[in-house]
Amino acid sequence: MNLTVNSVLVQETGLSAAERDGRVVVLSLQAASYFDFNKVATEIWGMLSSPYRVEDILQKLSQHHDVSSEIMTRDVMGFLQSLLTQRLVRIVAVEDVQ
């Protein structure tokens, strides 16, 4: 699936997640694996509890983190693509954005 800044993502249903020491750990039975997110990944995961446009994720992160937009876009897009690949999130219709 092609991920763009206009894509709208949301957490996949049926995943188990727990927060520990400010970090989220997600268990995916479908992937038969667990995922331990760092602080920024945890922040992104929280945003994706409801449908969120990738562009808005990047904008919100840029307000709280001092990093160039090129590096942030590269790293966040890579992370979001891995979430898609592992089926932890899914792309939804633009109309679902709150």
N, C-alpha and C. Protein backbone atom coordinates (compact mmCIF):
# COMPACT_ATOMS: atom_id res chain seq x y z
N MET A 1 0.83 -1.17 0.00
CA MET A 1 0.00 0.00 0.00
C MET A 1 0.88 1.25 0.00
N ASN A 2 0.52 2.22 -0.79
CA ASN A 2 1.29 3.45 -0.91
C ASN A 2 0.95 4.43 0.21
N LEU A 3 1.92 4.73 1.03
CA LEU A 3 1.75 5.68 2.12
C LEU A 3 2.22 7.05 1.66
N THR A 4 1.37 8.06 1.83
CA THR A 4 1.73 9.43 1.49
C THR A 4 1.40 10.33 2.68
N VAL A 5 1.79 11.59 2.59
CA VAL A 5 1.48 12.53 3.67
C VAL A 5 -0.03 12.78 3.76
N ASN A 6 -0.77 12.45 2.71
CA ASN A 6 -2.22 12.62 2.72
C ASN A 6 -2.96 11.38 3.23
N SER A 7 -2.24 10.28 3.46
CA SER A 7 -2.86 9.06 3.97
C SER A 7 -3.41 9.31 5.37
N VAL A 8 -4.50 8.65 5.68
CA VAL A 8 -5.10 8.70 7.02
C VAL A 8 -4.95 7.31 7.62
N LEU A 9 -4.34 7.26 8.80
CA LEU A 9 -4.07 5.99 9.47
C LEU A 9 -4.81 5.91 10.80
N VAL A 10 -5.05 4.67 11.23
CA VAL A 10 -5.64 4.42 12.54
C VAL A 10 -5.11 3.07 13.02
N GLN A 11 -5.06 2.91 14.35
CA GLN A 11 -4.62 1.63 14.91
C GLN A 11 -5.55 0.52 14.44
N GLU A 12 -4.97 -0.63 14.19
CA GLU A 12 -5.75 -1.82 13.84
C GLU A 12 -6.50 -2.26 15.10
N THR A 13 -7.68 -2.82 14.92
CA THR A 13 -8.45 -3.29 16.07
C THR A 13 -7.92 -4.64 16.54
N GLY A 14 -8.19 -4.96 17.80
CA GLY A 14 -7.84 -6.27 18.33
C GLY A 14 -6.40 -6.42 18.80
N LEU A 15 -5.67 -5.32 18.92
CA LEU A 15 -4.30 -5.39 19.41
C LEU A 15 -4.28 -5.13 20.92
N SER A 16 -3.36 -5.76 21.59
CA SER A 16 -3.17 -5.50 23.02
C SER A 16 -1.99 -4.56 23.18
N ALA A 17 -2.18 -3.51 23.96
CA ALA A 17 -1.11 -2.55 24.19
C ALA A 17 -1.06 -2.20 25.67
N ALA A 18 0.15 -1.99 26.16
CA ALA A 18 0.33 -1.59 27.55
C ALA A 18 1.43 -0.54 27.61
N GLU A 19 1.28 0.41 28.53
CA GLU A 19 2.29 1.44 28.71
C GLU A 19 3.14 1.08 29.92
N ARG A 20 4.43 1.26 29.75
CA ARG A 20 5.36 0.99 30.84
C ARG A 20 6.49 2.00 30.76
N ASP A 21 6.68 2.74 31.82
CA ASP A 21 7.75 3.75 31.89
C ASP A 21 7.69 4.73 30.73
N GLY A 22 6.47 5.14 30.35
CA GLY A 22 6.31 6.12 29.28
C GLY A 22 6.46 5.56 27.88
N ARG A 23 6.54 4.25 27.76
CA ARG A 23 6.68 3.60 26.45
C ARG A 23 5.54 2.61 26.28
N VAL A 24 5.14 2.41 25.04
CA VAL A 24 4.07 1.47 24.75
C VAL A 24 4.67 0.18 24.18
N VAL A 25 4.11 -0.94 24.63
CA VAL A 25 4.43 -2.24 24.07
C VAL A 25 3.13 -2.77 23.46
N VAL A 26 3.18 -3.16 22.19
CA VAL A 26 2.01 -3.65 21.48
C VAL A 26 2.22 -5.11 21.15
N LEU A 27 1.21 -5.92 21.45
CA LEU A 27 1.25 -7.34 21.14
C LEU A 27 0.32 -7.60 19.96
N SER A 28 0.88 -8.20 18.92
CA SER A 28 0.08 -8.57 17.76
C SER A 28 0.09 -10.08 17.61
N LEU A 29 -1.07 -10.69 17.87
CA LEU A 29 -1.17 -12.13 17.68
C LEU A 29 -1.06 -12.49 16.21
N GLN A 30 -1.56 -11.63 15.34
CA GLN A 30 -1.50 -11.86 13.90
C GLN A 30 -0.05 -11.92 13.42
N ALA A 31 0.79 -11.03 13.94
CA ALA A 31 2.20 -11.01 13.55
C ALA A 31 3.03 -11.95 14.43
N ALA A 32 2.40 -12.50 15.46
CA ALA A 32 3.08 -13.38 16.42
C ALA A 32 4.32 -12.70 16.98
N SER A 33 4.14 -11.42 17.35
CA SER A 33 5.27 -10.65 17.83
C SER A 33 4.78 -9.51 18.72
N TYR A 34 5.74 -8.92 19.43
CA TYR A 34 5.43 -7.71 20.18
C TYR A 34 6.37 -6.61 19.73
N PHE A 35 5.93 -5.38 19.93
CA PHE A 35 6.65 -4.21 19.46
C PHE A 35 6.80 -3.25 20.63
N ASP A 36 8.03 -2.89 20.94
CA ASP A 36 8.37 -2.00 22.05
C ASP A 36 8.71 -0.64 21.45
N PHE A 37 7.86 0.35 21.64
CA PHE A 37 8.03 1.67 21.02
C PHE A 37 8.83 2.60 21.92
N ASN A 38 9.69 3.41 21.29
CA ASN A 38 10.40 4.45 22.03
C ASN A 38 9.44 5.61 22.29
N LYS A 39 9.96 6.69 22.86
CA LYS A 39 9.10 7.81 23.27
C LYS A 39 8.35 8.44 22.10
N VAL A 40 9.04 8.70 21.00
CA VAL A 40 8.38 9.33 19.84
C VAL A 40 7.39 8.36 19.19
N ALA A 41 7.77 7.10 19.08
CA ALA A 41 6.86 6.10 18.52
C ALA A 41 5.61 5.96 19.39
N THR A 42 5.79 6.05 20.71
CA THR A 42 4.65 6.01 21.63
C THR A 42 3.75 7.22 21.41
N GLU A 43 4.35 8.37 21.17
CA GLU A 43 3.57 9.58 20.89
C GLU A 43 2.74 9.40 19.61
N ILE A 44 3.37 8.85 18.58
CA ILE A 44 2.67 8.60 17.32
C ILE A 44 1.55 7.59 17.53
N TRP A 45 1.84 6.52 18.26
CA TRP A 45 0.85 5.48 18.52
C TRP A 45 -0.38 6.07 19.20
N GLY A 46 -0.16 6.97 20.13
CA GLY A 46 -1.28 7.62 20.81
C GLY A 46 -2.14 8.43 19.85
N MET A 47 -1.50 9.12 18.92
CA MET A 47 -2.27 9.89 17.92
C MET A 47 -3.14 8.96 17.09
N LEU A 48 -2.64 7.77 16.81
CA LEU A 48 -3.34 6.86 15.91
C LEU A 48 -4.47 6.08 16.59
N SER A 49 -4.80 6.46 17.83
CA SER A 49 -5.95 5.82 18.48
C SER A 49 -7.25 6.23 17.78
N SER A 50 -7.19 7.32 17.03
CA SER A 50 -8.30 7.72 16.15
C SER A 50 -7.67 8.07 14.80
N PRO A 51 -8.47 8.10 13.74
CA PRO A 51 -7.90 8.39 12.41
C PRO A 51 -7.13 9.70 12.38
N TYR A 52 -5.94 9.65 11.82
CA TYR A 52 -5.03 10.80 11.81
C TYR A 52 -4.30 10.87 10.47
N ARG A 53 -4.28 12.04 9.88
CA ARG A 53 -3.58 12.24 8.61
C ARG A 53 -2.06 12.30 8.88
N VAL A 54 -1.27 11.64 8.04
CA VAL A 54 0.18 11.61 8.20
C VAL A 54 0.75 13.02 8.26
N GLU A 55 0.29 13.91 7.41
CA GLU A 55 0.77 15.29 7.40
C GLU A 55 0.55 15.96 8.76
N ASP A 56 -0.58 15.67 9.41
CA ASP A 56 -0.88 16.25 10.72
C ASP A 56 0.02 15.66 11.80
N ILE A 57 0.37 14.39 11.67
CA ILE A 57 1.31 13.76 12.61
C ILE A 57 2.65 14.47 12.52
N LEU A 58 3.13 14.67 11.30
CA LEU A 58 4.42 15.34 11.10
C LEU A 58 4.39 16.76 11.67
N GLN A 59 3.30 17.46 11.43
CA GLN A 59 3.18 18.83 11.92
C GLN A 59 3.17 18.88 13.45
N LYS A 60 2.43 17.99 14.06
CA LYS A 60 2.35 17.97 15.52
C LYS A 60 3.70 17.61 16.14
N LEU A 61 4.39 16.64 15.56
CA LEU A 61 5.70 16.26 16.08
C LEU A 61 6.71 17.39 15.94
N SER A 62 6.62 18.14 14.85
CA SER A 62 7.57 19.23 14.63
C SER A 62 7.42 20.34 15.67
N GLN A 63 6.25 20.43 16.30
CA GLN A 63 6.03 21.42 17.35
C GLN A 63 6.72 21.05 18.66
N HIS A 64 7.00 19.75 18.84
CA HIS A 64 7.54 19.27 20.11
C HIS A 64 8.97 18.75 20.02
N HIS A 65 9.49 18.58 18.81
CA HIS A 65 10.82 17.98 18.65
C HIS A 65 11.67 18.85 17.74
N ASP A 66 12.89 19.08 18.15
CA ASP A 66 13.81 19.92 17.41
C ASP A 66 14.63 19.06 16.44
N VAL A 67 14.08 18.83 15.27
CA VAL A 67 14.75 18.04 14.24
C VAL A 67 14.33 18.60 12.89
N SER A 68 15.19 18.48 11.90
CA SER A 68 14.86 19.03 10.58
C SER A 68 13.65 18.30 10.00
N SER A 69 12.90 19.00 9.17
CA SER A 69 11.70 18.40 8.58
C SER A 69 12.05 17.23 7.67
N GLU A 70 13.21 17.30 7.01
CA GLU A 70 13.62 16.20 6.12
C GLU A 70 13.87 14.92 6.91
N ILE A 71 14.60 15.04 8.02
CA ILE A 71 14.90 13.86 8.84
C ILE A 71 13.62 13.34 9.48
N MET A 72 12.79 14.25 10.00
CA MET A 72 11.56 13.82 10.63
C MET A 72 10.66 13.10 9.62
N THR A 73 10.51 13.66 8.45
CA THR A 73 9.66 13.04 7.43
C THR A 73 10.19 11.66 7.07
N ARG A 74 11.49 11.55 6.84
CA ARG A 74 12.09 10.27 6.48
C ARG A 74 11.86 9.23 7.58
N ASP A 75 12.16 9.60 8.82
CA ASP A 75 12.05 8.64 9.92
C ASP A 75 10.61 8.27 10.24
N VAL A 76 9.73 9.26 10.28
CA VAL A 76 8.33 8.99 10.61
C VAL A 76 7.65 8.19 9.49
N MET A 77 7.92 8.55 8.24
CA MET A 77 7.31 7.79 7.13
C MET A 77 7.79 6.33 7.16
N GLY A 78 9.07 6.12 7.46
CA GLY A 78 9.58 4.75 7.57
C GLY A 78 8.92 3.98 8.70
N PHE A 79 8.74 4.66 9.84
CA PHE A 79 8.08 4.02 10.98
C PHE A 79 6.63 3.68 10.65
N LEU A 80 5.91 4.64 10.06
CA LEU A 80 4.51 4.41 9.72
C LEU A 80 4.37 3.29 8.68
N GLN A 81 5.29 3.24 7.74
CA GLN A 81 5.26 2.16 6.74
C GLN A 81 5.47 0.80 7.42
N SER A 82 6.36 0.76 8.41
CA SER A 82 6.57 -0.51 9.12
C SER A 82 5.33 -0.90 9.92
N LEU A 83 4.62 0.09 10.49
CA LEU A 83 3.36 -0.21 11.19
C LEU A 83 2.34 -0.80 10.23
N LEU A 84 2.28 -0.25 9.02
CA LEU A 84 1.38 -0.78 7.99
C LEU A 84 1.76 -2.19 7.61
N THR A 85 3.04 -2.40 7.36
CA THR A 85 3.53 -3.71 6.95
C THR A 85 3.24 -4.77 8.01
N GLN A 86 3.40 -4.40 9.28
CA GLN A 86 3.16 -5.34 10.39
C GLN A 86 1.67 -5.43 10.76
N ARG A 87 0.84 -4.68 10.05
CA ARG A 87 -0.61 -4.65 10.27
C ARG A 87 -0.99 -4.17 11.67
N LEU A 88 -0.23 -3.20 12.15
CA LEU A 88 -0.57 -2.56 13.43
C LEU A 88 -1.48 -1.36 13.20
N VAL A 89 -1.44 -0.81 12.00
CA VAL A 89 -2.33 0.28 11.61
C VAL A 89 -2.88 -0.03 10.22
N ARG A 90 -3.91 0.72 9.86
CA ARG A 90 -4.49 0.57 8.52
C ARG A 90 -4.82 1.96 7.98
N ILE A 91 -4.89 2.05 6.66
CA ILE A 91 -5.29 3.29 6.00
C ILE A 91 -6.80 3.32 5.92
N VAL A 92 -7.37 4.46 6.27
CA VAL A 92 -8.83 4.63 6.24
C VAL A 92 -9.18 5.80 5.32
N ALA A 93 -10.45 5.95 5.05
CA ALA A 93 -10.92 7.01 4.18
C ALA A 93 -10.73 8.38 4.84
N VAL A 94 -10.49 9.39 4.04
CA VAL A 94 -10.29 10.75 4.53
C VAL A 94 -11.47 11.23 5.35
N GLU A 95 -12.65 10.78 5.01
CA GLU A 95 -13.86 11.22 5.73
C GLU A 95 -13.87 10.79 7.18
N ASP A 96 -13.02 9.81 7.54
CA ASP A 96 -12.99 9.30 8.91
C ASP A 96 -12.15 10.16 9.85
N VAL A 97 -11.49 11.19 9.32
CA VAL A 97 -10.66 12.07 10.15
C VAL A 97 -11.57 12.92 11.02
N GLN A 98 -11.23 13.00 12.31
CA GLN A 98 -12.05 13.79 13.23
C GLN A 98 -11.59 15.20 13.30
